[in-house]
Amino acid sequence: MLGLEGYDTFDTWAHDRDGTVVDSWPSYGHYVVGSGLRVVETDRRHPTESRVVRLLPGGRIERGPLLADAQAPAPLVLPDGTLLVLDAGVLRAVGRELDDAVLAELHPLAPDERHRFTGSLRRTAEGLDVTLVERHPTRMGSYTTHAWALGLHAP
């Protein structure tokens, strides 16, 4: 797989061993392999059209939930295949069937403020660490870190 985003490109290509393109999709982002190929798209558009999608043979795409953040951080994959996605300050679970649920509204971000935040998810022995780093709107080089330690429990 090879993906590229930018300069009017938002695509993923599958290649065979010889480098020949065998399939392509108009999608790009964080790739999750297992039960097919899912993508947490990162289109960098405002307003965003990013979604969690599944890439299917023949260039087809199964569209899942629309995301609020055009640049969501890499998702965390749970053992059952559920994706945890930090979407504009909201922690969401997206299942293998692309069903989704809001788990926690940690620090919901207004559309005009999202560009100032970068987030991350990290699995720990106790559960999950979530971090949002906020760039100050006027003082360059000044940041505030918002952090949460969350437990994970099977449904």
N, C-alpha and C. Protein backbone atom coordinates (compact mmCIF):
# COMPACT_ATOMS: atom_id res chain seq x y z
N MET A 1 0.84 -1.17 0.00
CA MET A 1 0.00 0.00 0.00
C MET A 1 0.89 1.24 0.00
N LEU A 2 0.42 2.21 -0.72
CA LEU A 2 1.08 3.50 -0.76
C LEU A 2 -0.01 4.55 -0.75
N GLY A 3 0.10 5.52 0.14
CA GLY A 3 -0.88 6.58 0.21
C GLY A 3 -0.20 7.94 0.10
N LEU A 4 -0.96 8.90 -0.42
CA LEU A 4 -0.42 10.24 -0.60
C LEU A 4 -1.55 11.24 -0.46
N GLU A 5 -1.26 12.34 0.24
CA GLU A 5 -2.25 13.41 0.44
C GLU A 5 -1.55 14.74 0.22
N GLY A 6 -2.21 15.62 -0.51
CA GLY A 6 -1.68 16.96 -0.73
C GLY A 6 -1.63 17.30 -2.20
N TYR A 7 -1.65 18.60 -2.51
CA TYR A 7 -1.58 19.08 -3.89
C TYR A 7 -2.59 18.34 -4.78
N ASP A 8 -3.85 18.39 -4.38
CA ASP A 8 -4.96 17.77 -5.11
C ASP A 8 -4.86 16.25 -5.20
N THR A 9 -4.11 15.64 -4.30
CA THR A 9 -4.00 14.19 -4.23
C THR A 9 -4.51 13.74 -2.88
N PHE A 10 -5.35 12.71 -2.88
CA PHE A 10 -5.89 12.11 -1.66
C PHE A 10 -6.20 10.66 -2.02
N ASP A 11 -5.13 9.85 -2.14
CA ASP A 11 -5.28 8.53 -2.74
C ASP A 11 -4.44 7.47 -2.04
N THR A 12 -4.87 6.22 -2.23
CA THR A 12 -4.15 5.04 -1.78
C THR A 12 -4.07 4.07 -2.94
N TRP A 13 -2.90 3.45 -3.11
CA TRP A 13 -2.69 2.49 -4.19
C TRP A 13 -2.17 1.18 -3.59
N ALA A 14 -2.69 0.06 -4.10
CA ALA A 14 -2.16 -1.26 -3.75
C ALA A 14 -1.28 -1.72 -4.91
N HIS A 15 -0.10 -2.21 -4.56
CA HIS A 15 0.87 -2.66 -5.56
C HIS A 15 1.14 -4.15 -5.38
N ASP A 16 1.46 -4.82 -6.48
CA ASP A 16 1.90 -6.20 -6.36
C ASP A 16 3.42 -6.22 -6.12
N ARG A 17 4.01 -7.41 -6.08
CA ARG A 17 5.44 -7.54 -5.78
C ARG A 17 6.34 -6.86 -6.81
N ASP A 18 5.82 -6.70 -8.03
CA ASP A 18 6.61 -6.07 -9.09
C ASP A 18 6.41 -4.57 -9.14
N GLY A 19 5.58 -4.04 -8.25
CA GLY A 19 5.35 -2.60 -8.22
C GLY A 19 4.19 -2.15 -9.09
N THR A 20 3.50 -3.07 -9.71
CA THR A 20 2.36 -2.73 -10.56
C THR A 20 1.16 -2.38 -9.69
N VAL A 21 0.48 -1.29 -10.01
CA VAL A 21 -0.72 -0.91 -9.27
C VAL A 21 -1.83 -1.90 -9.59
N VAL A 22 -2.40 -2.52 -8.54
CA VAL A 22 -3.46 -3.50 -8.73
C VAL A 22 -4.82 -3.00 -8.25
N ASP A 23 -4.84 -1.92 -7.50
CA ASP A 23 -6.10 -1.32 -7.05
C ASP A 23 -5.79 0.08 -6.54
N SER A 24 -6.82 0.93 -6.50
CA SER A 24 -6.62 2.29 -5.97
C SER A 24 -7.94 2.81 -5.41
N TRP A 25 -7.81 3.75 -4.48
CA TRP A 25 -8.97 4.33 -3.80
C TRP A 25 -8.73 5.82 -3.57
N PRO A 26 -9.78 6.64 -3.65
CA PRO A 26 -9.65 8.06 -3.31
C PRO A 26 -9.80 8.26 -1.79
N SER A 27 -8.81 7.78 -1.05
CA SER A 27 -8.82 7.84 0.41
C SER A 27 -7.38 7.84 0.91
N TYR A 28 -7.16 8.48 2.04
CA TYR A 28 -5.83 8.52 2.64
C TYR A 28 -5.97 8.85 4.12
N GLY A 29 -5.07 8.32 4.92
CA GLY A 29 -5.06 8.63 6.35
C GLY A 29 -4.30 7.58 7.12
N HIS A 30 -4.76 7.30 8.34
CA HIS A 30 -4.15 6.28 9.19
C HIS A 30 -4.75 4.93 8.80
N TYR A 31 -3.90 4.00 8.37
CA TYR A 31 -4.35 2.69 7.90
C TYR A 31 -4.41 1.70 9.07
N VAL A 32 -5.48 0.91 9.08
CA VAL A 32 -5.65 -0.14 10.10
C VAL A 32 -5.92 -1.44 9.36
N VAL A 33 -5.00 -2.40 9.51
CA VAL A 33 -5.12 -3.68 8.84
C VAL A 33 -5.74 -4.69 9.79
N GLY A 34 -6.63 -5.52 9.27
CA GLY A 34 -7.33 -6.54 10.05
C GLY A 34 -8.79 -6.46 9.71
N SER A 35 -9.41 -7.56 9.37
CA SER A 35 -10.80 -7.60 8.87
C SER A 35 -10.96 -6.58 7.74
N GLY A 36 -10.05 -6.63 6.80
CA GLY A 36 -10.05 -5.66 5.71
C GLY A 36 -9.11 -4.52 6.04
N LEU A 37 -9.16 -3.50 5.25
CA LEU A 37 -8.31 -2.34 5.45
C LEU A 37 -9.19 -1.14 5.76
N ARG A 38 -9.08 -0.64 6.99
CA ARG A 38 -9.83 0.55 7.38
C ARG A 38 -8.88 1.74 7.39
N VAL A 39 -9.46 2.92 7.16
CA VAL A 39 -8.67 4.15 7.12
C VAL A 39 -9.38 5.20 7.96
N VAL A 40 -8.64 5.80 8.88
CA VAL A 40 -9.12 7.00 9.57
C VAL A 40 -8.58 8.15 8.72
N GLU A 41 -9.46 8.70 7.89
CA GLU A 41 -9.02 9.68 6.89
C GLU A 41 -8.57 10.99 7.54
N THR A 42 -7.63 11.64 6.87
CA THR A 42 -7.09 12.94 7.29
C THR A 42 -6.97 13.83 6.07
N ASP A 43 -8.05 14.51 5.72
CA ASP A 43 -8.05 15.26 4.46
C ASP A 43 -7.56 16.71 4.58
N ARG A 44 -7.38 17.21 5.78
CA ARG A 44 -6.88 18.58 6.02
C ARG A 44 -7.76 19.65 5.38
N ARG A 45 -9.02 19.34 5.13
CA ARG A 45 -9.95 20.32 4.54
C ARG A 45 -10.81 20.94 5.63
N HIS A 46 -11.24 22.16 5.37
CA HIS A 46 -12.13 22.86 6.30
C HIS A 46 -13.28 23.43 5.51
N PRO A 47 -14.50 22.93 5.62
CA PRO A 47 -14.87 21.84 6.52
C PRO A 47 -14.37 20.50 5.98
N THR A 48 -14.15 19.58 6.89
CA THR A 48 -13.61 18.28 6.52
C THR A 48 -14.67 17.36 5.94
N GLU A 49 -14.22 16.44 5.10
CA GLU A 49 -15.05 15.36 4.61
C GLU A 49 -14.48 14.02 5.07
N SER A 50 -13.54 14.07 6.03
CA SER A 50 -12.89 12.85 6.53
C SER A 50 -13.89 11.94 7.22
N ARG A 51 -13.66 10.65 7.05
CA ARG A 51 -14.49 9.61 7.65
C ARG A 51 -13.59 8.45 8.08
N VAL A 52 -14.17 7.52 8.80
CA VAL A 52 -13.55 6.22 8.96
C VAL A 52 -14.18 5.37 7.87
N VAL A 53 -13.33 4.77 7.03
CA VAL A 53 -13.83 4.02 5.87
C VAL A 53 -13.17 2.64 5.81
N ARG A 54 -13.75 1.78 4.98
CA ARG A 54 -13.14 0.49 4.67
C ARG A 54 -12.87 0.47 3.17
N LEU A 55 -11.64 0.11 2.79
CA LEU A 55 -11.28 0.01 1.38
C LEU A 55 -11.63 -1.40 0.91
N LEU A 56 -12.39 -1.47 -0.16
CA LEU A 56 -12.86 -2.73 -0.72
C LEU A 56 -12.24 -2.96 -2.10
N PRO A 57 -12.23 -4.21 -2.56
CA PRO A 57 -11.68 -4.49 -3.90
C PRO A 57 -12.40 -3.69 -4.98
N GLY A 58 -11.67 -3.42 -6.04
CA GLY A 58 -12.25 -2.70 -7.18
C GLY A 58 -12.36 -1.21 -6.96
N GLY A 59 -11.58 -0.67 -6.01
CA GLY A 59 -11.60 0.77 -5.77
C GLY A 59 -12.84 1.26 -5.02
N ARG A 60 -13.62 0.33 -4.50
CA ARG A 60 -14.84 0.71 -3.77
C ARG A 60 -14.49 1.07 -2.32
N ILE A 61 -15.32 1.94 -1.75
CA ILE A 61 -15.12 2.39 -0.37
C ILE A 61 -16.43 2.26 0.38
N GLU A 62 -16.36 1.61 1.56
CA GLU A 62 -17.51 1.56 2.47
C GLU A 62 -17.32 2.71 3.45
N ARG A 63 -18.25 3.64 3.43
CA ARG A 63 -18.12 4.84 4.24
C ARG A 63 -18.72 4.63 5.62
N GLY A 64 -17.94 4.99 6.62
CA GLY A 64 -18.38 4.94 8.01
C GLY A 64 -18.66 6.34 8.51
N PRO A 65 -18.48 6.54 9.81
CA PRO A 65 -18.85 7.82 10.42
C PRO A 65 -18.00 8.99 9.93
N LEU A 66 -18.67 10.11 9.75
CA LEU A 66 -18.00 11.37 9.42
C LEU A 66 -17.25 11.86 10.65
N LEU A 67 -16.05 12.38 10.44
CA LEU A 67 -15.24 12.92 11.53
C LEU A 67 -15.36 14.44 11.58
N ALA A 68 -15.18 15.00 12.75
CA ALA A 68 -15.18 16.46 12.91
C ALA A 68 -13.80 17.05 12.66
N ASP A 69 -12.75 16.25 12.91
CA ASP A 69 -11.37 16.74 12.82
C ASP A 69 -10.76 16.32 11.48
N ALA A 70 -10.23 17.28 10.77
CA ALA A 70 -9.60 17.02 9.47
C ALA A 70 -8.23 16.37 9.61
N GLN A 71 -7.70 16.33 10.83
CA GLN A 71 -6.35 15.80 11.06
C GLN A 71 -6.33 15.01 12.37
N ALA A 72 -7.20 14.02 12.49
CA ALA A 72 -7.26 13.19 13.70
C ALA A 72 -5.93 12.45 13.87
N PRO A 73 -5.49 12.25 15.12
CA PRO A 73 -4.26 11.49 15.33
C PRO A 73 -4.47 10.00 15.05
N ALA A 74 -3.39 9.26 15.05
CA ALA A 74 -3.47 7.82 14.81
C ALA A 74 -4.41 7.17 15.82
N PRO A 75 -5.27 6.28 15.34
CA PRO A 75 -6.19 5.61 16.26
C PRO A 75 -5.47 4.53 17.07
N LEU A 76 -6.14 4.08 18.11
CA LEU A 76 -5.66 2.95 18.89
C LEU A 76 -6.58 1.78 18.57
N VAL A 77 -6.00 0.61 18.31
CA VAL A 77 -6.79 -0.56 17.95
C VAL A 77 -6.86 -1.49 19.16
N LEU A 78 -8.09 -1.79 19.60
CA LEU A 78 -8.30 -2.70 20.71
C LEU A 78 -8.25 -4.14 20.21
N PRO A 79 -8.05 -5.12 21.11
CA PRO A 79 -7.95 -6.52 20.68
C PRO A 79 -9.14 -7.02 19.87
N ASP A 80 -10.34 -6.49 20.10
CA ASP A 80 -11.52 -6.94 19.34
C ASP A 80 -11.65 -6.23 18.00
N GLY A 81 -10.69 -5.37 17.66
CA GLY A 81 -10.72 -4.66 16.38
C GLY A 81 -11.37 -3.30 16.44
N THR A 82 -11.94 -2.93 17.58
CA THR A 82 -12.52 -1.60 17.74
C THR A 82 -11.43 -0.55 17.66
N LEU A 83 -11.71 0.53 16.94
CA LEU A 83 -10.77 1.66 16.87
C LEU A 83 -11.19 2.71 17.88
N LEU A 84 -10.25 3.21 18.63
CA LEU A 84 -10.48 4.39 19.46
C LEU A 84 -9.91 5.57 18.68
N VAL A 85 -10.78 6.56 18.44
CA VAL A 85 -10.41 7.71 17.61
C VAL A 85 -10.61 8.97 18.44
N LEU A 86 -9.57 9.80 18.52
CA LEU A 86 -9.69 11.10 19.16
C LEU A 86 -10.07 12.09 18.07
N ASP A 87 -11.32 12.53 18.11
CA ASP A 87 -11.90 13.34 17.05
C ASP A 87 -12.29 14.71 17.59
N ALA A 88 -11.42 15.70 17.40
CA ALA A 88 -11.69 17.07 17.84
C ALA A 88 -12.03 17.13 19.33
N GLY A 89 -11.25 16.41 20.14
CA GLY A 89 -11.43 16.43 21.59
C GLY A 89 -12.48 15.47 22.12
N VAL A 90 -13.05 14.66 21.24
CA VAL A 90 -14.07 13.68 21.62
C VAL A 90 -13.50 12.29 21.35
N LEU A 91 -13.57 11.40 22.36
CA LEU A 91 -13.10 10.03 22.19
C LEU A 91 -14.24 9.18 21.66
N ARG A 92 -14.01 8.57 20.49
CA ARG A 92 -15.03 7.75 19.83
C ARG A 92 -14.52 6.33 19.64
N ALA A 93 -15.46 5.39 19.67
CA ALA A 93 -15.17 3.99 19.36
C ALA A 93 -15.82 3.68 18.02
N VAL A 94 -15.04 3.10 17.11
CA VAL A 94 -15.56 2.70 15.80
C VAL A 94 -15.31 1.20 15.66
N GLY A 95 -16.40 0.44 15.54
CA GLY A 95 -16.30 -1.01 15.47
C GLY A 95 -15.90 -1.52 14.10
N ARG A 96 -15.70 -2.82 14.01
CA ARG A 96 -15.32 -3.46 12.75
C ARG A 96 -16.35 -3.22 11.65
N GLU A 97 -17.61 -3.04 12.03
CA GLU A 97 -18.68 -2.80 11.04
C GLU A 97 -18.88 -1.31 10.77
N LEU A 98 -17.95 -0.48 11.24
CA LEU A 98 -17.95 0.97 11.07
C LEU A 98 -19.08 1.65 11.86
N ASP A 99 -19.62 0.94 12.85
CA ASP A 99 -20.56 1.55 13.78
C ASP A 99 -19.74 2.38 14.76
N ASP A 100 -20.30 3.47 15.26
CA ASP A 100 -19.51 4.29 16.17
C ASP A 100 -20.34 4.76 17.35
N ALA A 101 -19.62 5.11 18.41
CA ALA A 101 -20.24 5.62 19.63
C ALA A 101 -19.28 6.60 20.28
N VAL A 102 -19.84 7.64 20.88
CA VAL A 102 -19.04 8.59 21.65
C VAL A 102 -18.79 7.98 23.03
N LEU A 103 -17.51 7.86 23.41
CA LEU A 103 -17.15 7.32 24.72
C LEU A 103 -17.00 8.42 25.75
N ALA A 104 -16.43 9.56 25.34
CA ALA A 104 -16.20 10.67 26.28
C ALA A 104 -15.99 11.96 25.51
N GLU A 105 -16.66 13.00 25.95
CA GLU A 105 -16.42 14.34 25.41
C GLU A 105 -15.39 14.99 26.32
N LEU A 106 -14.12 14.77 26.02
CA LEU A 106 -13.04 15.20 26.89
C LEU A 106 -12.83 16.70 26.85
N HIS A 107 -12.68 17.24 25.68
CA HIS A 107 -12.42 18.68 25.49
C HIS A 107 -12.88 19.03 24.08
N PRO A 108 -14.21 19.03 23.85
CA PRO A 108 -14.70 19.29 22.48
C PRO A 108 -14.15 20.61 21.93
N LEU A 109 -13.72 20.56 20.69
CA LEU A 109 -13.06 21.71 20.07
C LEU A 109 -13.98 22.39 19.08
N ALA A 110 -14.03 23.71 19.16
CA ALA A 110 -14.79 24.50 18.20
C ALA A 110 -14.11 24.40 16.83
N PRO A 111 -14.89 24.41 15.76
CA PRO A 111 -14.30 24.28 14.41
C PRO A 111 -13.18 25.27 14.13
N ASP A 112 -13.31 26.51 14.58
CA ASP A 112 -12.28 27.52 14.29
C ASP A 112 -11.07 27.43 15.22
N GLU A 113 -11.06 26.49 16.16
CA GLU A 113 -9.93 26.32 17.08
C GLU A 113 -9.16 25.02 16.85
N ARG A 114 -9.68 24.12 16.05
CA ARG A 114 -9.09 22.78 15.90
C ARG A 114 -7.66 22.80 15.39
N HIS A 115 -7.31 23.79 14.58
CA HIS A 115 -5.97 23.85 14.01
C HIS A 115 -4.89 24.06 15.08
N ARG A 116 -5.28 24.52 16.27
CA ARG A 116 -4.31 24.79 17.33
C ARG A 116 -4.02 23.58 18.21
N PHE A 117 -4.67 22.45 17.94
CA PHE A 117 -4.55 21.28 18.81
C PHE A 117 -3.96 20.09 18.07
N THR A 118 -3.11 19.34 18.78
CA THR A 118 -2.66 18.03 18.29
C THR A 118 -2.91 17.04 19.42
N GLY A 119 -3.32 15.86 19.06
CA GLY A 119 -3.67 14.86 20.07
C GLY A 119 -2.93 13.57 19.89
N SER A 120 -3.03 12.72 20.92
CA SER A 120 -2.45 11.38 20.84
C SER A 120 -3.19 10.45 21.79
N LEU A 121 -3.16 9.17 21.43
CA LEU A 121 -3.71 8.10 22.26
C LEU A 121 -2.59 7.11 22.53
N ARG A 122 -2.52 6.62 23.77
CA ARG A 122 -1.48 5.63 24.11
C ARG A 122 -2.07 4.60 25.05
N ARG A 123 -1.91 3.33 24.71
CA ARG A 123 -2.39 2.25 25.57
C ARG A 123 -1.42 2.08 26.73
N THR A 124 -1.95 1.89 27.92
CA THR A 124 -1.14 1.66 29.11
C THR A 124 -1.61 0.36 29.76
N ALA A 125 -0.89 -0.09 30.78
CA ALA A 125 -1.29 -1.30 31.51
C ALA A 125 -2.64 -1.08 32.19
N GLU A 126 -2.93 0.13 32.59
CA GLU A 126 -4.17 0.44 33.30
C GLU A 126 -5.32 0.82 32.36
N GLY A 127 -5.01 1.18 31.11
CA GLY A 127 -6.07 1.59 30.20
C GLY A 127 -5.55 2.42 29.05
N LEU A 128 -5.80 3.74 29.12
CA LEU A 128 -5.56 4.61 27.98
C LEU A 128 -5.14 5.99 28.47
N ASP A 129 -4.08 6.53 27.89
CA ASP A 129 -3.70 7.93 28.11
C ASP A 129 -4.08 8.72 26.88
N VAL A 130 -4.78 9.83 27.09
CA VAL A 130 -5.18 10.72 26.01
C VAL A 130 -4.54 12.07 26.27
N THR A 131 -3.95 12.65 25.24
CA THR A 131 -3.30 13.95 25.37
C THR A 131 -3.74 14.87 24.24
N LEU A 132 -4.05 16.11 24.60
CA LEU A 132 -4.29 17.17 23.63
C LEU A 132 -3.32 18.30 23.96
N VAL A 133 -2.52 18.68 22.99
CA VAL A 133 -1.59 19.80 23.18
C VAL A 133 -2.17 20.98 22.43
N GLU A 134 -2.33 22.08 23.16
CA GLU A 134 -2.95 23.30 22.64
C GLU A 134 -1.89 24.39 22.45
N ARG A 135 -1.79 24.88 21.23
CA ARG A 135 -0.90 26.00 20.95
C ARG A 135 -1.62 27.28 21.31
N HIS A 136 -0.97 28.17 22.05
CA HIS A 136 -1.58 29.44 22.45
C HIS A 136 -1.92 30.24 21.19
N PRO A 137 -3.08 30.92 21.17
CA PRO A 137 -3.50 31.62 19.95
C PRO A 137 -2.61 32.81 19.55
N THR A 138 -1.92 33.42 20.50
CA THR A 138 -1.12 34.61 20.15
C THR A 138 0.34 34.51 20.58
N ARG A 139 0.66 33.72 21.59
CA ARG A 139 2.04 33.61 22.06
C ARG A 139 2.69 32.39 21.44
N MET A 140 3.40 32.59 20.36
CA MET A 140 4.05 31.48 19.67
C MET A 140 5.04 30.80 20.62
N GLY A 141 5.06 29.48 20.57
CA GLY A 141 5.95 28.72 21.44
C GLY A 141 5.36 28.44 22.81
N SER A 142 4.15 28.90 23.06
CA SER A 142 3.48 28.66 24.34
C SER A 142 2.38 27.62 24.15
N TYR A 143 2.44 26.55 24.95
CA TYR A 143 1.51 25.43 24.81
C TYR A 143 0.91 25.04 26.15
N THR A 144 -0.28 24.50 26.11
CA THR A 144 -0.92 23.91 27.27
C THR A 144 -1.22 22.46 26.93
N THR A 145 -0.89 21.56 27.85
CA THR A 145 -1.16 20.14 27.63
C THR A 145 -2.35 19.73 28.49
N HIS A 146 -3.33 19.13 27.84
CA HIS A 146 -4.51 18.57 28.50
C HIS A 146 -4.32 17.05 28.48
N ALA A 147 -4.44 16.39 29.63
CA ALA A 147 -4.19 14.94 29.68
C ALA A 147 -5.23 14.22 30.51
N TRP A 148 -5.58 13.03 30.06
CA TRP A 148 -6.55 12.18 30.74
C TRP A 148 -5.98 10.76 30.82
N ALA A 149 -6.17 10.12 31.95
CA ALA A 149 -5.86 8.69 32.12
C ALA A 149 -7.22 8.00 32.29
N LEU A 150 -7.55 7.13 31.34
CA LEU A 150 -8.86 6.49 31.32
C LEU A 150 -8.72 4.98 31.48
N GLY A 151 -9.68 4.37 32.12
CA GLY A 151 -9.73 2.92 32.20
C GLY A 151 -10.51 2.37 31.03
N LEU A 152 -10.17 1.17 30.61
CA LEU A 152 -10.90 0.49 29.52
C LEU A 152 -11.55 -0.75 30.10
N HIS A 153 -12.84 -0.89 29.85
CA HIS A 153 -13.59 -2.03 30.34
C HIS A 153 -14.35 -2.67 29.19
N ALA A 154 -14.36 -3.98 29.16
CA ALA A 154 -15.13 -4.69 28.11
C ALA A 154 -16.61 -4.41 28.27
N PRO A 155 -17.35 -4.30 27.16
CA PRO A 155 -18.79 -4.01 27.27
C PRO A 155 -19.57 -5.15 27.90
